[in-house]
């Protein structure tokens, strides 16, 4: 069993705490920590369960769009939020104090070729995650709606 899989219960508690503080402070705490990339709160609906969930994620700005990296730390499988967005692409995000309505789509090859270097520039760990896995890590583009 991978360390990430073993640590998942602890990571879920940490992410839940991050989400609670982010929401309670209107994004003043949790949007960006010194020396860290910016984070948003992604609302998504479970593809199978229909349950609403919120996940804090690093994002990359691309004009009016926001880009998410479905890395899951280099795990062989995509994160659950990726499948949830594919099933239910219309959603909301909170970026700092601002809540936005967005529509998600998986970046095509051309978009990915342009956006991947921006993602790695925002958080260099994505390069290492891609090296760890055989799958091509998808990028998800969130367009305003």
C-alpha atoms as a PDB file:
ATOM      1  CA  UNK A   1       0.000   0.000   0.000  1.00  0.00           C
ATOM      2  CA  UNK A   2       1.333   3.452  -0.958  1.00  0.00           C
ATOM      3  CA  UNK A   3       2.078   5.993   1.767  1.00  0.00           C
ATOM      4  CA  UNK A   4      -0.449   8.419   0.244  1.00  0.00           C
ATOM      5  CA  UNK A   5      -3.156   5.733   0.525  1.00  0.00           C
ATOM      6  CA  UNK A   6      -2.228   5.046   4.155  1.00  0.00           C
ATOM      7  CA  UNK A   7      -2.237   8.751   5.004  1.00  0.00           C
ATOM      8  CA  UNK A   8      -5.589   9.452   3.305  1.00  0.00           C
ATOM      9  CA  UNK A   9      -7.712   9.601   6.517  1.00  0.00           C
ATOM     10  CA  UNK A  10      -5.353  12.207   8.004  1.00  0.00           C
ATOM     11  CA  UNK A  11      -5.216  14.150   4.735  1.00  0.00           C
ATOM     12  CA  UNK A  12      -9.039  14.266   4.595  1.00  0.00           C
ATOM     13  CA  UNK A  13      -9.169  15.764   8.105  1.00  0.00           C
ATOM     14  CA  UNK A  14      -6.532  18.354   7.206  1.00  0.00           C
ATOM     15  CA  UNK A  15      -8.365  19.291   4.003  1.00  0.00           C
ATOM     16  CA  UNK A  16     -11.635  19.555   5.935  1.00  0.00           C
ATOM     17  CA  UNK A  17      -9.991  21.912   8.409  1.00  0.00           C
ATOM     18  CA  UNK A  18      -8.485  23.968   5.592  1.00  0.00           C
ATOM     19  CA  UNK A  19     -11.899  24.248   3.939  1.00  0.00           C
ATOM     20  CA  UNK A  20     -13.590  25.308   7.186  1.00  0.00           C
ATOM     21  CA  UNK A  21     -11.009  28.031   7.912  1.00  0.00           C
ATOM     22  CA  UNK A  22     -11.040  29.230   4.282  1.00  0.00           C
ATOM     23  CA  UNK A  23     -14.848  29.578   4.316  1.00  0.00           C
ATOM     24  CA  UNK A  24     -15.053  31.064   7.831  1.00  0.00           C
ATOM     25  CA  UNK A  25     -12.523  33.799   7.018  1.00  0.00           C
ATOM     26  CA  UNK A  26     -13.906  34.590   3.573  1.00  0.00           C
ATOM     27  CA  UNK A  27     -10.685  33.320   2.031  1.00  0.00           C
ATOM     28  CA  UNK A  28      -8.406  35.650   4.014  1.00  0.00           C
ATOM     29  CA  UNK A  29      -6.804  32.545   5.525  1.00  0.00           C
ATOM     30  CA  UNK A  30      -6.250  29.561   3.269  1.00  0.00           C
ATOM     31  CA  UNK A  31      -6.154  31.212  -0.150  1.00  0.00           C
ATOM     32  CA  UNK A  32      -2.397  31.628  -0.112  1.00  0.00           C
ATOM     33  CA  UNK A  33       0.228  30.815   2.491  1.00  0.00           C
ATOM     34  CA  UNK A  34       3.683  32.433   2.255  1.00  0.00           C
ATOM     35  CA  UNK A  35       5.878  30.481  -0.146  1.00  0.00           C
ATOM     36  CA  UNK A  36       2.970  28.339  -1.376  1.00  0.00           C
ATOM     37  CA  UNK A  37       0.866  28.437  -4.529  1.00  0.00           C
ATOM     38  CA  UNK A  38      -2.661  29.889  -4.354  1.00  0.00           C
ATOM     39  CA  UNK A  39      -5.570  27.608  -3.485  1.00  0.00           C
ATOM     40  CA  UNK A  40      -9.257  27.681  -4.237  1.00  0.00           C
ATOM     41  CA  UNK A  41     -12.194  25.726  -2.892  1.00  0.00           C
ATOM     42  CA  UNK A  42     -13.797  23.501  -5.508  1.00  0.00           C
ATOM     43  CA  UNK A  43     -17.407  22.442  -4.989  1.00  0.00           C
ATOM     44  CA  UNK A  44     -18.281  19.216  -6.777  1.00  0.00           C
ATOM     45  CA  UNK A  45     -21.030  16.620  -6.730  1.00  0.00           C
ATOM     46  CA  UNK A  46     -20.198  12.935  -6.372  1.00  0.00           C
ATOM     47  CA  UNK A  47     -20.569  11.141  -9.698  1.00  0.00           C
ATOM     48  CA  UNK A  48     -21.982   8.049  -7.976  1.00  0.00           C
ATOM     49  CA  UNK A  49     -23.203   9.326  -4.611  1.00  0.00           C
ATOM     50  CA  UNK A  50     -24.688  12.659  -5.674  1.00  0.00           C
ATOM     51  CA  UNK A  51     -23.214  14.066  -2.449  1.00  0.00           C
ATOM     52  CA  UNK A  52     -21.890  17.649  -2.500  1.00  0.00           C
ATOM     53  CA  UNK A  53     -18.227  17.944  -1.579  1.00  0.00           C
ATOM     54  CA  UNK A  54     -15.639  20.713  -1.316  1.00  0.00           C
ATOM     55  CA  UNK A  55     -11.938  20.239  -1.966  1.00  0.00           C
ATOM     56  CA  UNK A  56      -9.117  22.785  -1.535  1.00  0.00           C
ATOM     57  CA  UNK A  57      -6.874  22.721  -4.613  1.00  0.00           C
ATOM     58  CA  UNK A  58      -3.948  24.613  -6.081  1.00  0.00           C
ATOM     59  CA  UNK A  59      -4.985  26.531  -9.179  1.00  0.00           C
ATOM     60  CA  UNK A  60      -3.325  28.265 -12.105  1.00  0.00           C
ATOM     61  CA  UNK A  61      -4.706  31.443 -13.658  1.00  0.00           C
ATOM     62  CA  UNK A  62      -5.094  31.480 -17.432  1.00  0.00           C
ATOM     63  CA  UNK A  63      -6.811  34.718 -18.383  1.00  0.00           C
ATOM     64  CA  UNK A  64     -10.368  34.453 -17.037  1.00  0.00           C
ATOM     65  CA  UNK A  65     -10.039  30.694 -16.690  1.00  0.00           C
ATOM     66  CA  UNK A  66      -8.698  28.719 -13.751  1.00  0.00           C
ATOM     67  CA  UNK A  67      -6.778  25.483 -14.273  1.00  0.00           C
ATOM     68  CA  UNK A  68      -6.635  22.505 -11.900  1.00  0.00           C
ATOM     69  CA  UNK A  69      -4.099  19.682 -12.009  1.00  0.00           C
ATOM     70  CA  UNK A  70      -5.547  16.210 -11.372  1.00  0.00           C
ATOM     71  CA  UNK A  71      -2.267  14.906  -9.976  1.00  0.00           C
ATOM     72  CA  UNK A  72      -3.289  13.082  -6.786  1.00  0.00           C
ATOM     73  CA  UNK A  73       0.381  13.220  -5.820  1.00  0.00           C
ATOM     74  CA  UNK A  74       1.403  11.010  -8.742  1.00  0.00           C
ATOM     75  CA  UNK A  75      -1.018   8.227  -7.803  1.00  0.00           C
ATOM     76  CA  UNK A  76      -1.860   5.819 -10.658  1.00  0.00           C
ATOM     77  CA  UNK A  77      -5.516   6.920 -10.469  1.00  0.00           C
ATOM     78  CA  UNK A  78      -7.083  10.325 -10.977  1.00  0.00           C
ATOM     79  CA  UNK A  79      -8.553  12.058  -7.916  1.00  0.00           C
ATOM     80  CA  UNK A  80     -12.272  11.605  -7.199  1.00  0.00           C
ATOM     81  CA  UNK A  81     -12.990  15.292  -7.866  1.00  0.00           C
ATOM     82  CA  UNK A  82     -11.807  14.767 -11.471  1.00  0.00           C
ATOM     83  CA  UNK A  83     -14.459  12.109 -12.117  1.00  0.00           C
ATOM     84  CA  UNK A  84     -17.055  14.198 -10.298  1.00  0.00           C
ATOM     85  CA  UNK A  85     -16.380  17.189 -12.567  1.00  0.00           C
ATOM     86  CA  UNK A  86     -16.587  15.037 -15.669  1.00  0.00           C
ATOM     87  CA  UNK A  87     -20.017  13.826 -14.546  1.00  0.00           C
ATOM     88  CA  UNK A  88     -21.191  17.243 -13.262  1.00  0.00           C
ATOM     89  CA  UNK A  89     -19.151  19.989 -14.981  1.00  0.00           C
ATOM     90  CA  UNK A  90     -21.209  23.001 -13.870  1.00  0.00           C
ATOM     91  CA  UNK A  91     -20.132  24.015 -10.404  1.00  0.00           C
ATOM     92  CA  UNK A  92     -18.768  26.784  -8.201  1.00  0.00           C
ATOM     93  CA  UNK A  93     -15.385  27.699  -6.775  1.00  0.00           C
ATOM     94  CA  UNK A  94     -14.264  30.137  -4.117  1.00  0.00           C
ATOM     95  CA  UNK A  95     -11.089  32.059  -4.922  1.00  0.00           C
ATOM     96  CA  UNK A  96     -10.205  34.118  -1.877  1.00  0.00           C
ATOM     97  CA  UNK A  97     -13.394  35.995  -0.989  1.00  0.00           C
ATOM     98  CA  UNK A  98     -14.887  35.641  -4.480  1.00  0.00           C
ATOM     99  CA  UNK A  99     -17.331  32.867  -5.372  1.00  0.00           C
ATOM    100  CA  UNK A 100     -17.539  32.026  -9.062  1.00  0.00           C
ATOM    101  CA  UNK A 101     -19.810  29.875 -11.189  1.00  0.00           C
ATOM    102  CA  UNK A 102     -17.749  27.799 -13.602  1.00  0.00           C
ATOM    103  CA  UNK A 103     -17.991  25.021 -16.163  1.00  0.00           C
ATOM    104  CA  UNK A 104     -15.224  22.403 -16.221  1.00  0.00           C
ATOM    105  CA  UNK A 105     -13.673  20.623 -19.177  1.00  0.00           C
ATOM    106  CA  UNK A 106     -10.582  18.458 -19.516  1.00  0.00           C
ATOM    107  CA  UNK A 107      -7.855  20.274 -21.433  1.00  0.00           C
ATOM    108  CA  UNK A 108      -7.300  18.925 -24.928  1.00  0.00           C
ATOM    109  CA  UNK A 109      -3.769  18.144 -26.159  1.00  0.00           C
ATOM    110  CA  UNK A 110      -3.150  21.673 -27.436  1.00  0.00           C
ATOM    111  CA  UNK A 111      -4.418  23.292 -24.238  1.00  0.00           C
ATOM    112  CA  UNK A 112      -2.414  20.877 -22.100  1.00  0.00           C
ATOM    113  CA  UNK A 113       0.796  21.569 -24.040  1.00  0.00           C
ATOM    114  CA  UNK A 114       0.349  25.290 -23.350  1.00  0.00           C
ATOM    115  CA  UNK A 115      -0.888  24.994 -19.749  1.00  0.00           C
ATOM    116  CA  UNK A 116       1.363  22.270 -18.323  1.00  0.00           C
ATOM    117  CA  UNK A 117       4.444  24.557 -18.120  1.00  0.00           C
ATOM    118  CA  UNK A 118       2.312  27.179 -16.327  1.00  0.00           C
ATOM    119  CA  UNK A 119       1.153  24.544 -13.840  1.00  0.00           C
ATOM    120  CA  UNK A 120       4.717  23.371 -13.141  1.00  0.00           C
ATOM    121  CA  UNK A 121       5.760  27.020 -12.815  1.00  0.00           C
ATOM    122  CA  UNK A 122       3.081  27.507 -10.157  1.00  0.00           C
ATOM    123  CA  UNK A 123       4.003  24.337  -8.261  1.00  0.00           C
ATOM    124  CA  UNK A 124       7.174  22.478  -9.264  1.00  0.00           C
ATOM    125  CA  UNK A 125       6.006  19.295  -7.526  1.00  0.00           C
ATOM    126  CA  UNK A 126       3.727  18.560 -10.467  1.00  0.00           C
ATOM    127  CA  UNK A 127       6.799  17.655 -12.512  1.00  0.00           C
ATOM    128  CA  UNK A 128       7.784  15.060  -9.886  1.00  0.00           C
ATOM    129  CA  UNK A 129       4.206  13.733  -9.723  1.00  0.00           C
ATOM    130  CA  UNK A 130       4.191  13.214 -13.502  1.00  0.00           C
ATOM    131  CA  UNK A 131       7.480  11.325 -13.228  1.00  0.00           C
ATOM    132  CA  UNK A 132       5.945   8.998 -10.594  1.00  0.00           C
ATOM    133  CA  UNK A 133       3.008   7.842 -12.665  1.00  0.00           C
ATOM    134  CA  UNK A 134       2.467   6.244 -16.044  1.00  0.00           C
ATOM    135  CA  UNK A 135      -0.772   8.142 -16.669  1.00  0.00           C
ATOM    136  CA  UNK A 136      -0.703  11.577 -18.232  1.00  0.00           C
ATOM    137  CA  UNK A 137      -1.904  13.888 -15.479  1.00  0.00           C
ATOM    138  CA  UNK A 138      -5.006  15.676 -16.764  1.00  0.00           C
ATOM    139  CA  UNK A 139      -5.575  19.399 -16.526  1.00  0.00           C
ATOM    140  CA  UNK A 140      -9.076  20.687 -15.904  1.00  0.00           C
ATOM    141  CA  UNK A 141     -10.031  24.111 -17.208  1.00  0.00           C
ATOM    142  CA  UNK A 142     -12.693  26.037 -15.301  1.00  0.00           C
ATOM    143  CA  UNK A 143     -14.393  28.595 -17.524  1.00  0.00           C
ATOM    144  CA  UNK A 144     -16.651  31.343 -16.132  1.00  0.00           C
ATOM    145  CA  UNK A 145     -20.352  30.867 -16.819  1.00  0.00           C
END
